[in-house]
Amino acid sequence: MPYVVEAYVELHLARLREVQSGKPLPKPVIHAKVDKLCARLAADAADKGAVVRLSRAWMALTTDINTEYAFTKSYDQLESPDFTAE
């Protein structure tokens, strides 16, 4: 079991070094998340009485992009009805 923890720590440190290196985010990830947000806003706009909290939508977008990049797994807050983590 100690090897698993050591491997995880090494992988985590490697990802942190990548983030700190200033390497740019991959554009396909950003475009996919922005497209998802736009589709969500269009769907909410079709529902005439829907109120969208744009501050939460923006937070969900940035969280999903950053977690996808840093941890290779998105929190998928853009999928949540109120743009928050489940």
PDB file of N, CA and C in Angstrom:
ATOM      1  N   MET A   1       0.802  -1.203   0.000  1.00  0.00           N
ATOM      2  CA  MET A   1       0.000   0.000   0.000  1.00  0.00           C
ATOM      3  C   MET A   1       0.848   1.272   0.000  1.00  0.00           C
ATOM      4  N   PRO A   2       2.013   1.306   0.645  1.00  0.00           N
ATOM      5  CA  PRO A   2       2.797   2.545   0.621  1.00  0.00           C
ATOM      6  C   PRO A   2       3.200   2.958  -0.787  1.00  0.00           C
ATOM      7  N   TYR A   3       3.333   1.992  -1.698  1.00  0.00           N
ATOM      8  CA  TYR A   3       3.710   2.328  -3.073  1.00  0.00           C
ATOM      9  C   TYR A   3       2.599   3.095  -3.779  1.00  0.00           C
ATOM     10  N   VAL A   4       1.361   2.755  -3.449  1.00  0.00           N
ATOM     11  CA  VAL A   4       0.222   3.448  -4.058  1.00  0.00           C
ATOM     12  C   VAL A   4       0.218   4.912  -3.615  1.00  0.00           C
ATOM     13  N   VAL A   5       0.406   5.143  -2.340  1.00  0.00           N
ATOM     14  CA  VAL A   5       0.424   6.510  -1.814  1.00  0.00           C
ATOM     15  C   VAL A   5       1.585   7.287  -2.421  1.00  0.00           C
ATOM     16  N   GLU A   6       2.738   6.653  -2.497  1.00  0.00           N
ATOM     17  CA  GLU A   6       3.908   7.312  -3.070  1.00  0.00           C
ATOM     18  C   GLU A   6       3.672   7.666  -4.538  1.00  0.00           C
ATOM     19  N   ALA A   7       3.064   6.753  -5.282  1.00  0.00           N
ATOM     20  CA  ALA A   7       2.782   7.011  -6.695  1.00  0.00           C
ATOM     21  C   ALA A   7       1.787   8.156  -6.841  1.00  0.00           C
ATOM     22  N   TYR A   8       0.779   8.184  -5.964  1.00  0.00           N
ATOM     23  CA  TYR A   8      -0.203   9.255  -6.023  1.00  0.00           C
ATOM     24  C   TYR A   8       0.452  10.595  -5.722  1.00  0.00           C
ATOM     25  N   VAL A   9       1.264  10.632  -4.686  1.00  0.00           N
ATOM     26  CA  VAL A   9       1.930  11.879  -4.310  1.00  0.00           C
ATOM     27  C   VAL A   9       2.822  12.358  -5.447  1.00  0.00           C
ATOM     28  N   GLU A  10       3.567  11.445  -6.058  1.00  0.00           N
ATOM     29  CA  GLU A  10       4.436  11.825  -7.171  1.00  0.00           C
ATOM     30  C   GLU A  10       3.616  12.354  -8.346  1.00  0.00           C
ATOM     31  N   LEU A  11       2.502  11.706  -8.668  1.00  0.00           N
ATOM     32  CA  LEU A  11       1.648  12.167  -9.762  1.00  0.00           C
ATOM     33  C   LEU A  11       1.076  13.537  -9.433  1.00  0.00           C
ATOM     34  N   HIS A  12       0.613  13.697  -8.201  1.00  0.00           N
ATOM     35  CA  HIS A  12       0.046  14.974  -7.778  1.00  0.00           C
ATOM     36  C   HIS A  12       1.092  16.088  -7.857  1.00  0.00           C
ATOM     37  N   LEU A  13       2.291  15.816  -7.404  1.00  0.00           N
ATOM     38  CA  LEU A  13       3.358  16.813  -7.478  1.00  0.00           C
ATOM     39  C   LEU A  13       3.715  17.142  -8.922  1.00  0.00           C
ATOM     40  N   ALA A  14       3.702  16.142  -9.783  1.00  0.00           N
ATOM     41  CA  ALA A  14       3.990  16.382 -11.195  1.00  0.00           C
ATOM     42  C   ALA A  14       2.937  17.297 -11.807  1.00  0.00           C
ATOM     43  N   ARG A  15       1.658  17.066 -11.465  1.00  0.00           N
ATOM     44  CA  ARG A  15       0.588  17.926 -11.994  1.00  0.00           C
ATOM     45  C   ARG A  15       0.736  19.351 -11.459  1.00  0.00           C
ATOM     46  N   LEU A  16       1.097  19.483 -10.171  1.00  0.00           N
ATOM     47  CA  LEU A  16       1.299  20.820  -9.619  1.00  0.00           C
ATOM     48  C   LEU A  16       2.441  21.541 -10.320  1.00  0.00           C
ATOM     49  N   ARG A  17       3.502  20.818 -10.624  1.00  0.00           N
ATOM     50  CA  ARG A  17       4.626  21.436 -11.337  1.00  0.00           C
ATOM     51  C   ARG A  17       4.204  21.894 -12.733  1.00  0.00           C
ATOM     52  N   GLU A  18       3.356  21.106 -13.392  1.00  0.00           N
ATOM     53  CA  GLU A  18       2.872  21.506 -14.721  1.00  0.00           C
ATOM     54  C   GLU A  18       2.077  22.797 -14.622  1.00  0.00           C
ATOM     55  N   VAL A  19       1.206  22.880 -13.631  1.00  0.00           N
ATOM     56  CA  VAL A  19       0.380  24.075 -13.458  1.00  0.00           C
ATOM     57  C   VAL A  19       1.255  25.280 -13.149  1.00  0.00           C
ATOM     58  N   GLN A  20       2.239  25.099 -12.288  1.00  0.00           N
ATOM     59  CA  GLN A  20       3.110  26.201 -11.900  1.00  0.00           C
ATOM     60  C   GLN A  20       4.054  26.616 -13.022  1.00  0.00           C
ATOM     61  N   SER A  21       4.257  25.741 -13.991  1.00  0.00           N
ATOM     62  CA  SER A  21       5.190  26.050 -15.068  1.00  0.00           C
ATOM     63  C   SER A  21       4.645  27.116 -16.017  1.00  0.00           C
ATOM     64  N   GLY A  22       3.354  27.402 -15.899  1.00  0.00           N
ATOM     65  CA  GLY A  22       2.755  28.395 -16.766  1.00  0.00           C
ATOM     66  C   GLY A  22       2.379  27.854 -18.131  1.00  0.00           C
ATOM     67  N   LYS A  23       2.345  26.530 -18.245  1.00  0.00           N
ATOM     68  CA  LYS A  23       1.950  25.908 -19.501  1.00  0.00           C
ATOM     69  C   LYS A  23       0.490  26.274 -19.791  1.00  0.00           C
ATOM     70  N   PRO A  24       0.170  26.711 -20.996  1.00  0.00           N
ATOM     71  CA  PRO A  24      -1.200  27.139 -21.281  1.00  0.00           C
ATOM     72  C   PRO A  24      -2.186  25.971 -21.235  1.00  0.00           C
ATOM     73  N   LEU A  25      -3.417  26.309 -20.918  1.00  0.00           N
ATOM     74  CA  LEU A  25      -4.475  25.301 -20.914  1.00  0.00           C
ATOM     75  C   LEU A  25      -4.739  24.830 -22.342  1.00  0.00           C
ATOM     76  N   PRO A  26      -5.063  23.563 -22.506  1.00  0.00           N
ATOM     77  CA  PRO A  26      -5.384  23.083 -23.851  1.00  0.00           C
ATOM     78  C   PRO A  26      -6.695  23.709 -24.344  1.00  0.00           C
ATOM     79  N   LYS A  27      -6.663  24.283 -25.525  1.00  0.00           N
ATOM     80  CA  LYS A  27      -7.825  24.992 -26.063  1.00  0.00           C
ATOM     81  C   LYS A  27      -9.052  24.107 -26.243  1.00  0.00           C
ATOM     82  N   PRO A  28      -8.926  22.835 -26.645  1.00  0.00           N
ATOM     83  CA  PRO A  28     -10.145  22.025 -26.785  1.00  0.00           C
ATOM     84  C   PRO A  28     -10.925  21.874 -25.479  1.00  0.00           C
ATOM     85  N   VAL A  29     -10.225  21.806 -24.363  1.00  0.00           N
ATOM     86  CA  VAL A  29     -10.913  21.709 -23.070  1.00  0.00           C
ATOM     87  C   VAL A  29     -11.690  22.986 -22.802  1.00  0.00           C
ATOM     88  N   ILE A  30     -11.066  24.114 -23.026  1.00  0.00           N
ATOM     89  CA  ILE A  30     -11.721  25.400 -22.788  1.00  0.00           C
ATOM     90  C   ILE A  30     -12.926  25.560 -23.710  1.00  0.00           C
ATOM     91  N   HIS A  31     -12.741  25.264 -24.981  1.00  0.00           N
ATOM     92  CA  HIS A  31     -13.840  25.404 -25.945  1.00  0.00           C
ATOM     93  C   HIS A  31     -15.010  24.486 -25.596  1.00  0.00           C
ATOM     94  N   ALA A  32     -14.720  23.271 -25.181  1.00  0.00           N
ATOM     95  CA  ALA A  32     -15.789  22.330 -24.833  1.00  0.00           C
ATOM     96  C   ALA A  32     -16.591  22.832 -23.641  1.00  0.00           C
ATOM     97  N   LYS A  33     -15.907  23.376 -22.643  1.00  0.00           N
ATOM     98  CA  LYS A  33     -16.603  23.875 -21.447  1.00  0.00           C
ATOM     99  C   LYS A  33     -17.406  25.137 -21.767  1.00  0.00           C
ATOM    100  N   VAL A  34     -16.847  26.026 -22.566  1.00  0.00           N
ATOM    101  CA  VAL A  34     -17.578  27.242 -22.946  1.00  0.00           C
ATOM    102  C   VAL A  34     -18.796  26.879 -23.788  1.00  0.00           C
ATOM    103  N   ASP A  35     -18.643  25.931 -24.705  1.00  0.00           N
ATOM    104  CA  ASP A  35     -19.783  25.470 -25.507  1.00  0.00           C
ATOM    105  C   ASP A  35     -20.872  24.881 -24.620  1.00  0.00           C
ATOM    106  N   LYS A  36     -20.460  24.127 -23.594  1.00  0.00           N
ATOM    107  CA  LYS A  36     -21.431  23.541 -22.671  1.00  0.00           C
ATOM    108  C   LYS A  36     -22.191  24.631 -21.928  1.00  0.00           C
ATOM    109  N   LEU A  37     -21.474  25.677 -21.493  1.00  0.00           N
ATOM    110  CA  LEU A  37     -22.126  26.785 -20.802  1.00  0.00           C
ATOM    111  C   LEU A  37     -23.087  27.513 -21.737  1.00  0.00           C
ATOM    112  N   CYS A  38     -22.673  27.758 -22.973  1.00  0.00           N
ATOM    113  CA  CYS A  38     -23.542  28.451 -23.934  1.00  0.00           C
ATOM    114  C   CYS A  38     -24.812  27.650 -24.209  1.00  0.00           C
ATOM    115  N   ALA A  39     -24.670  26.341 -24.351  1.00  0.00           N
ATOM    116  CA  ALA A  39     -25.841  25.484 -24.579  1.00  0.00           C
ATOM    117  C   ALA A  39     -26.772  25.525 -23.372  1.00  0.00           C
ATOM    118  N   ARG A  40     -26.182  25.533 -22.206  1.00  0.00           N
ATOM    119  CA  ARG A  40     -26.986  25.586 -20.981  1.00  0.00           C
ATOM    120  C   ARG A  40     -27.727  26.914 -20.878  1.00  0.00           C
ATOM    121  N   LEU A  41     -27.050  28.020 -21.182  1.00  0.00           N
ATOM    122  CA  LEU A  41     -27.696  29.328 -21.131  1.00  0.00           C
ATOM    123  C   LEU A  41     -28.786  29.444 -22.182  1.00  0.00           C
ATOM    124  N   ALA A  42     -28.567  28.871 -23.362  1.00  0.00           N
ATOM    125  CA  ALA A  42     -29.591  28.893 -24.417  1.00  0.00           C
ATOM    126  C   ALA A  42     -30.816  28.094 -23.985  1.00  0.00           C
ATOM    127  N   ALA A  43     -30.592  26.958 -23.339  1.00  0.00           N
ATOM    128  CA  ALA A  43     -31.709  26.141 -22.866  1.00  0.00           C
ATOM    129  C   ALA A  43     -32.482  26.867 -21.769  1.00  0.00           C
ATOM    130  N   ASP A  44     -31.757  27.526 -20.879  1.00  0.00           N
ATOM    131  CA  ASP A  44     -32.421  28.286 -19.816  1.00  0.00           C
ATOM    132  C   ASP A  44     -33.158  29.492 -20.387  1.00  0.00           C
ATOM    133  N   ALA A  45     -32.639  30.093 -21.443  1.00  0.00           N
ATOM    134  CA  ALA A  45     -33.299  31.240 -22.069  1.00  0.00           C
ATOM    135  C   ALA A  45     -34.593  30.807 -22.760  1.00  0.00           C
ATOM    136  N   ALA A  46     -34.632  29.571 -23.248  1.00  0.00           N
ATOM    137  CA  ALA A  46     -35.840  29.067 -23.895  1.00  0.00           C
ATOM    138  C   ALA A  46     -36.979  28.928 -22.879  1.00  0.00           C
ATOM    139  N   ASP A  47     -36.615  28.682 -21.635  1.00  0.00           N
ATOM    140  CA  ASP A  47     -37.591  28.635 -20.555  1.00  0.00           C
ATOM    141  C   ASP A  47     -37.776  30.070 -20.076  1.00  0.00           C
ATOM    142  N   LYS A  48     -38.826  30.721 -20.521  1.00  0.00           N
ATOM    143  CA  LYS A  48     -39.006  32.175 -20.332  1.00  0.00           C
ATOM    144  C   LYS A  48     -38.920  32.631 -18.889  1.00  0.00           C
ATOM    145  N   GLY A  49     -39.310  31.796 -17.933  1.00  0.00           N
ATOM    146  CA  GLY A  49     -39.312  32.229 -16.543  1.00  0.00           C
ATOM    147  C   GLY A  49     -38.031  31.891 -15.792  1.00  0.00           C
ATOM    148  N   ALA A  50     -37.065  31.328 -16.477  1.00  0.00           N
ATOM    149  CA  ALA A  50     -35.839  30.899 -15.793  1.00  0.00           C
ATOM    150  C   ALA A  50     -34.965  32.086 -15.414  1.00  0.00           C
ATOM    151  N   VAL A  51     -34.431  32.022 -14.223  1.00  0.00           N
ATOM    152  CA  VAL A  51     -33.481  33.026 -13.757  1.00  0.00           C
ATOM    153  C   VAL A  51     -32.133  32.333 -13.638  1.00  0.00           C
ATOM    154  N   VAL A  52     -31.130  32.909 -14.274  1.00  0.00           N
ATOM    155  CA  VAL A  52     -29.795  32.319 -14.258  1.00  0.00           C
ATOM    156  C   VAL A  52     -28.874  33.236 -13.467  1.00  0.00           C
ATOM    157  N   ARG A  53     -28.262  32.682 -12.454  1.00  0.00           N
ATOM    158  CA  ARG A  53     -27.279  33.453 -11.684  1.00  0.00           C
ATOM    159  C   ARG A  53     -25.945  33.348 -12.419  1.00  0.00           C
ATOM    160  N   LEU A  54     -25.606  34.406 -13.118  1.00  0.00           N
ATOM    161  CA  LEU A  54     -24.396  34.390 -13.938  1.00  0.00           C
ATOM    162  C   LEU A  54     -23.127  34.283 -13.106  1.00  0.00           C
ATOM    163  N   SER A  55     -23.153  34.767 -11.873  1.00  0.00           N
ATOM    164  CA  SER A  55     -21.973  34.622 -11.021  1.00  0.00           C
ATOM    165  C   SER A  55     -21.697  33.138 -10.757  1.00  0.00           C
ATOM    166  N   ARG A  56     -22.746  32.362 -10.529  1.00  0.00           N
ATOM    167  CA  ARG A  56     -22.570  30.922 -10.332  1.00  0.00           C
ATOM    168  C   ARG A  56     -22.179  30.231 -11.634  1.00  0.00           C
ATOM    169  N   ALA A  57     -22.748  30.677 -12.740  1.00  0.00           N
ATOM    170  CA  ALA A  57     -22.403  30.086 -14.032  1.00  0.00           C
ATOM    171  C   ALA A  57     -20.924  30.310 -14.342  1.00  0.00           C
ATOM    172  N   TRP A  58     -20.445  31.512 -14.086  1.00  0.00           N
ATOM    173  CA  TRP A  58     -19.029  31.828 -14.314  1.00  0.00           C
ATOM    174  C   TRP A  58     -18.141  31.004 -13.388  1.00  0.00           C
ATOM    175  N   MET A  59     -18.544  30.888 -12.118  1.00  0.00           N
ATOM    176  CA  MET A  59     -17.781  30.092 -11.163  1.00  0.00           C
ATOM    177  C   MET A  59     -17.739  28.621 -11.606  1.00  0.00           C
ATOM    178  N   ALA A  60     -18.864  28.099 -12.083  1.00  0.00           N
ATOM    179  CA  ALA A  60     -18.912  26.712 -12.539  1.00  0.00           C
ATOM    180  C   ALA A  60     -18.000  26.503 -13.750  1.00  0.00           C
ATOM    181  N   LEU A  61     -18.009  27.450 -14.667  1.00  0.00           N
ATOM    182  CA  LEU A  61     -17.151  27.353 -15.848  1.00  0.00           C
ATOM    183  C   LEU A  61     -15.679  27.331 -15.456  1.00  0.00           C
ATOM    184  N   THR A  62     -15.271  28.271 -14.634  1.00  0.00           N
ATOM    185  CA  THR A  62     -13.859  28.330 -14.259  1.00  0.00           C
ATOM    186  C   THR A  62     -13.458  27.128 -13.405  1.00  0.00           C
ATOM    187  N   THR A  63     -14.341  26.669 -12.540  1.00  0.00           N
ATOM    188  CA  THR A  63     -14.042  25.491 -11.719  1.00  0.00           C
ATOM    189  C   THR A  63     -13.887  24.259 -12.591  1.00  0.00           C
ATOM    190  N   ASP A  64     -14.800  24.068 -13.538  1.00  0.00           N
ATOM    191  CA  ASP A  64     -14.721  22.893 -14.408  1.00  0.00           C
ATOM    192  C   ASP A  64     -13.458  22.910 -15.265  1.00  0.00           C
ATOM    193  N   ILE A  65     -13.092  24.057 -15.787  1.00  0.00           N
ATOM    194  CA  ILE A  65     -11.866  24.149 -16.597  1.00  0.00           C
ATOM    195  C   ILE A  65     -10.640  23.874 -15.735  1.00  0.00           C
ATOM    196  N   ASN A  66     -10.577  24.504 -14.581  1.00  0.00           N
ATOM    197  CA  ASN A  66      -9.403  24.343 -13.725  1.00  0.00           C
ATOM    198  C   ASN A  66      -9.268  22.935 -13.167  1.00  0.00           C
ATOM    199  N   THR A  67     -10.371  22.319 -12.755  1.00  0.00           N
ATOM    200  CA  THR A  67     -10.266  20.956 -12.221  1.00  0.00           C
ATOM    201  C   THR A  67      -9.942  19.957 -13.320  1.00  0.00           C
ATOM    202  N   GLU A  68     -10.444  20.188 -14.521  1.00  0.00           N
ATOM    203  CA  GLU A  68     -10.098  19.313 -15.648  1.00  0.00           C
ATOM    204  C   GLU A  68      -8.606  19.391 -15.936  1.00  0.00           C
ATOM    205  N   TYR A  69      -8.059  20.581 -15.864  1.00  0.00           N
ATOM    206  CA  TYR A  69      -6.637  20.768 -16.157  1.00  0.00           C
ATOM    207  C   TYR A  69      -5.753  20.255 -15.020  1.00  0.00           C
ATOM    208  N   ALA A  70      -6.093  20.618 -13.801  1.00  0.00           N
ATOM    209  CA  ALA A  70      -5.231  20.280 -12.667  1.00  0.00           C
ATOM    210  C   ALA A  70      -5.341  18.826 -12.233  1.00  0.00           C
ATOM    211  N   PHE A  71      -6.547  18.271 -12.292  1.00  0.00           N
ATOM    212  CA  PHE A  71      -6.759  16.921 -11.762  1.00  0.00           C
ATOM    213  C   PHE A  71      -7.185  15.913 -12.824  1.00  0.00           C
ATOM    214  N   THR A  72      -7.267  16.346 -14.077  1.00  0.00           N
ATOM    215  CA  THR A  72      -7.735  15.539 -15.214  1.00  0.00           C
ATOM    216  C   THR A  72      -9.124  14.951 -14.978  1.00  0.00           C
ATOM    217  N   LYS A  73      -9.889  15.572 -14.096  1.00  0.00           N
ATOM    218  CA  LYS A  73     -11.285  15.192 -13.863  1.00  0.00           C
ATOM    219  C   LYS A  73     -12.042  16.442 -13.470  1.00  0.00           C
ATOM    220  N   SER A  74     -13.042  16.753 -14.250  1.00  0.00           N
ATOM    221  CA  SER A  74     -13.841  17.941 -13.995  1.00  0.00           C
ATOM    222  C   SER A  74     -14.849  17.670 -12.883  1.00  0.00           C
ATOM    223  N   TYR A  75     -15.191  18.710 -12.115  1.00  0.00           N
ATOM    224  CA  TYR A  75     -16.242  18.591 -11.102  1.00  0.00           C
ATOM    225  C   TYR A  75     -17.636  18.629 -11.752  1.00  0.00           C
ATOM    226  N   ASP A  76     -17.711  18.978 -13.018  1.00  0.00           N
ATOM    227  CA  ASP A  76     -18.970  19.031 -13.785  1.00  0.00           C
ATOM    228  C   ASP A  76     -20.041  19.901 -13.123  1.00  0.00           C
ATOM    229  N   GLN A  77     -19.638  21.054 -12.643  1.00  0.00           N
ATOM    230  CA  GLN A  77     -20.608  21.974 -12.061  1.00  0.00           C
ATOM    231  C   GLN A  77     -21.537  22.564 -13.119  1.00  0.00           C
ATOM    232  N   LEU A  78     -21.103  22.576 -14.381  1.00  0.00           N
ATOM    233  CA  LEU A  78     -21.966  23.082 -15.444  1.00  0.00           C
ATOM    234  C   LEU A  78     -23.184  22.179 -15.666  1.00  0.00           C
ATOM    235  N   GLU A  79     -23.094  20.940 -15.216  1.00  0.00           N
ATOM    236  CA  GLU A  79     -24.209  19.998 -15.355  1.00  0.00           C
ATOM    237  C   GLU A  79     -25.252  20.158 -14.238  1.00  0.00           C
ATOM    238  N   SER A  80     -24.863  20.776 -13.145  1.00  0.00           N
ATOM    239  CA  SER A  80     -25.740  20.905 -11.986  1.00  0.00           C
ATOM    240  C   SER A  80     -26.830  21.943 -12.272  1.00  0.00           C
ATOM    241  N   PRO A  81     -28.058  21.705 -11.785  1.00  0.00           N
ATOM    242  CA  PRO A  81     -29.141  22.664 -12.049  1.00  0.00           C
ATOM    243  C   PRO A  81     -28.862  24.078 -11.547  1.00  0.00           C
ATOM    244  N   ASP A  82     -28.138  24.206 -10.432  1.00  0.00           N
ATOM    245  CA  ASP A  82     -27.862  25.537  -9.906  1.00  0.00           C
ATOM    246  C   ASP A  82     -26.382  25.899  -9.997  1.00  0.00           C
ATOM    247  N   PHE A  83     -25.644  25.189 -10.870  1.00  0.00           N
ATOM    248  CA  PHE A  83     -24.216  25.456 -11.113  1.00  0.00           C
ATOM    249  C   PHE A  83     -23.338  25.261  -9.877  1.00  0.00           C
ATOM    250  N   THR A  84     -23.686  24.354  -8.999  1.00  0.00           N
ATOM    251  CA  THR A  84     -22.870  24.083  -7.828  1.00  0.00           C
ATOM    252  C   THR A  84     -22.443  22.629  -7.824  1.00  0.00           C
ATOM    253  N   ALA A  85     -21.450  22.318  -7.017  1.00  0.00           N
ATOM    254  CA  ALA A  85     -20.977  20.934  -6.912  1.00  0.00           C
ATOM    255  C   ALA A  85     -22.036  20.093  -6.222  1.00  0.00           C
ATOM    256  N   GLU A  86     -22.150  18.884  -6.681  1.00  0.00           N
ATOM    257  CA  GLU A  86     -23.133  17.962  -6.105  1.00  0.00           C
ATOM    258  C   GLU A  86     -22.550  17.291  -4.891  1.00  0.00           C
TER     259      GLU A  86
END
